[in-house]
Amino acid sequence: MKTEAVKTIFQADDYGMEDHSLTIDKISELDPEGNVVLVKLIAYVIDPIGNAMVFNYSPYAKLSELLNSAKVWIQCGCPSDCDAMGFP
């Protein structure tokens, strides 16, 4: 499969997330004919002092679910010792 260039589909400097920034990119995988066969989302969280973190969550989740889960993760203090869903 060929991967299309990554496209930022959501970016917010303050989305009710305790001064954290959130960026969500969409990655589209294409078949040899150029048709989209798979779409994945990846979220990046930047804390108030500039540390960037990848939010560990399913790349196949809906955008609204990803946004809500990122808010909860930030409210929990962005723990790094998480389960497979990204939560402590």
C-alpha atoms as a PDB file:
ATOM      1  CA  MET A   1       0.000   0.000   0.000  1.00  0.00           C
ATOM      2  CA  LYS A   2       1.050   3.525  -0.683  1.00  0.00           C
ATOM      3  CA  THR A   3       0.601   6.189   1.984  1.00  0.00           C
ATOM      4  CA  GLU A   4      -0.805   9.562   1.029  1.00  0.00           C
ATOM      5  CA  ALA A   5       0.757  12.677   2.539  1.00  0.00           C
ATOM      6  CA  VAL A   6      -0.455  13.305   6.073  1.00  0.00           C
ATOM      7  CA  LYS A   7      -3.124  15.985   6.399  1.00  0.00           C
ATOM      8  CA  THR A   8      -3.843  17.938   9.599  1.00  0.00           C
ATOM      9  CA  ILE A   9      -7.602  17.828  10.180  1.00  0.00           C
ATOM     10  CA  PHE A  10      -7.829  19.370  13.651  1.00  0.00           C
ATOM     11  CA  GLN A  11      -5.643  21.840  15.499  1.00  0.00           C
ATOM     12  CA  ALA A  12      -6.445  23.769  18.655  1.00  0.00           C
ATOM     13  CA  ASP A  13      -4.294  25.728  21.054  1.00  0.00           C
ATOM     14  CA  ASP A  14      -6.972  25.656  23.730  1.00  0.00           C
ATOM     15  CA  TYR A  15      -9.799  23.184  23.455  1.00  0.00           C
ATOM     16  CA  GLY A  16     -10.707  23.197  27.142  1.00  0.00           C
ATOM     17  CA  MET A  17      -7.592  21.148  27.811  1.00  0.00           C
ATOM     18  CA  GLU A  18      -5.687  22.951  30.562  1.00  0.00           C
ATOM     19  CA  ASP A  19      -3.465  25.019  28.215  1.00  0.00           C
ATOM     20  CA  HIS A  20      -2.431  21.996  26.149  1.00  0.00           C
ATOM     21  CA  SER A  21      -2.430  22.056  22.344  1.00  0.00           C
ATOM     22  CA  LEU A  22      -3.885  19.236  20.287  1.00  0.00           C
ATOM     23  CA  THR A  23      -3.205  18.368  16.654  1.00  0.00           C
ATOM     24  CA  ILE A  24      -4.850  15.473  14.843  1.00  0.00           C
ATOM     25  CA  ASP A  25      -3.490  14.214  11.536  1.00  0.00           C
ATOM     26  CA  LYS A  26      -5.296  11.959   9.067  1.00  0.00           C
ATOM     27  CA  ILE A  27      -3.216   9.324   7.284  1.00  0.00           C
ATOM     28  CA  SER A  28      -4.781   7.793   4.180  1.00  0.00           C
ATOM     29  CA  GLU A  29      -3.408   4.588   2.683  1.00  0.00           C
ATOM     30  CA  LEU A  30      -3.956   4.149  -1.038  1.00  0.00           C
ATOM     31  CA  ASP A  31      -4.075   1.071  -3.236  1.00  0.00           C
ATOM     32  CA  PRO A  32      -1.965   0.934  -6.435  1.00  0.00           C
ATOM     33  CA  GLU A  33      -4.800   2.619  -8.380  1.00  0.00           C
ATOM     34  CA  GLY A  34      -4.842   5.583  -5.996  1.00  0.00           C
ATOM     35  CA  ASN A  35      -8.076   4.719  -4.167  1.00  0.00           C
ATOM     36  CA  VAL A  36      -8.261   5.281  -0.414  1.00  0.00           C
ATOM     37  CA  VAL A  37      -8.462   1.895   1.318  1.00  0.00           C
ATOM     38  CA  LEU A  38      -7.712   2.828   4.919  1.00  0.00           C
ATOM     39  CA  VAL A  39      -7.854   6.017   6.992  1.00  0.00           C
ATOM     40  CA  LYS A  40      -6.111   6.407  10.350  1.00  0.00           C
ATOM     41  CA  LEU A  41      -5.960   9.290  12.840  1.00  0.00           C
ATOM     42  CA  ILE A  42      -3.024  10.190  15.076  1.00  0.00           C
ATOM     43  CA  ALA A  43      -3.122  12.794  17.845  1.00  0.00           C
ATOM     44  CA  TYR A  44      -0.272  14.907  19.201  1.00  0.00           C
ATOM     45  CA  VAL A  45      -0.563  16.757  22.509  1.00  0.00           C
ATOM     46  CA  ILE A  46       1.795  19.610  23.430  1.00  0.00           C
ATOM     47  CA  ASP A  47       1.901  20.619  27.086  1.00  0.00           C
ATOM     48  CA  PRO A  48       2.239  24.247  28.281  1.00  0.00           C
ATOM     49  CA  ILE A  49       6.064  24.055  28.411  1.00  0.00           C
ATOM     50  CA  GLY A  50       6.384  22.676  24.873  1.00  0.00           C
ATOM     51  CA  ASN A  51       6.801  18.926  25.445  1.00  0.00           C
ATOM     52  CA  ALA A  52       5.188  17.029  22.573  1.00  0.00           C
ATOM     53  CA  MET A  53       3.566  13.629  23.139  1.00  0.00           C
ATOM     54  CA  VAL A  54       1.770  11.194  20.880  1.00  0.00           C
ATOM     55  CA  PHE A  55      -1.605  10.315  22.376  1.00  0.00           C
ATOM     56  CA  ASN A  56      -1.683   6.514  22.392  1.00  0.00           C
ATOM     57  CA  TYR A  57      -5.141   5.634  21.082  1.00  0.00           C
ATOM     58  CA  SER A  58      -6.647   3.526  18.330  1.00  0.00           C
ATOM     59  CA  PRO A  59      -5.865   5.087  14.941  1.00  0.00           C
ATOM     60  CA  TYR A  60      -9.261   3.824  13.735  1.00  0.00           C
ATOM     61  CA  ALA A  61     -11.345   5.682  16.357  1.00  0.00           C
ATOM     62  CA  LYS A  62     -13.885   8.302  15.335  1.00  0.00           C
ATOM     63  CA  LEU A  63     -12.705  11.910  15.544  1.00  0.00           C
ATOM     64  CA  SER A  64     -15.188  12.814  18.298  1.00  0.00           C
ATOM     65  CA  GLU A  65     -14.104   9.822  20.401  1.00  0.00           C
ATOM     66  CA  LEU A  66     -10.444  10.730  19.949  1.00  0.00           C
ATOM     67  CA  LEU A  67     -11.068  14.353  20.996  1.00  0.00           C
ATOM     68  CA  ASN A  68     -13.017  13.366  24.112  1.00  0.00           C
ATOM     69  CA  SER A  69     -10.462  10.742  25.125  1.00  0.00           C
ATOM     70  CA  ALA A  70      -7.574  13.187  24.661  1.00  0.00           C
ATOM     71  CA  LYS A  71      -9.324  15.634  27.006  1.00  0.00           C
ATOM     72  CA  VAL A  72      -9.645  12.945  29.685  1.00  0.00           C
ATOM     73  CA  TRP A  73      -6.000  11.902  29.232  1.00  0.00           C
ATOM     74  CA  ILE A  74      -4.868  15.509  29.689  1.00  0.00           C
ATOM     75  CA  GLN A  75      -7.055  15.902  32.780  1.00  0.00           C
ATOM     76  CA  CYS A  76      -5.367  12.767  34.207  1.00  0.00           C
ATOM     77  CA  GLY A  77      -1.972  14.470  33.794  1.00  0.00           C
ATOM     78  CA  CYS A  78      -0.914  12.776  30.526  1.00  0.00           C
ATOM     79  CA  PRO A  79       0.310   9.577  32.215  1.00  0.00           C
ATOM     80  CA  SER A  80       2.853   7.525  30.289  1.00  0.00           C
ATOM     81  CA  ASP A  81       2.241   4.247  32.168  1.00  0.00           C
ATOM     82  CA  CYS A  82      -0.971   3.456  30.314  1.00  0.00           C
ATOM     83  CA  ASP A  83      -2.955   0.510  29.093  1.00  0.00           C
ATOM     84  CA  ALA A  84      -3.490  -0.160  25.393  1.00  0.00           C
ATOM     85  CA  MET A  85      -6.215   2.516  25.249  1.00  0.00           C
ATOM     86  CA  GLY A  86      -3.932   5.252  26.605  1.00  0.00           C
ATOM     87  CA  PHE A  87      -5.472   5.480  30.056  1.00  0.00           C
ATOM     88  CA  PRO A  88      -3.845   4.724  33.432  1.00  0.00           C
END
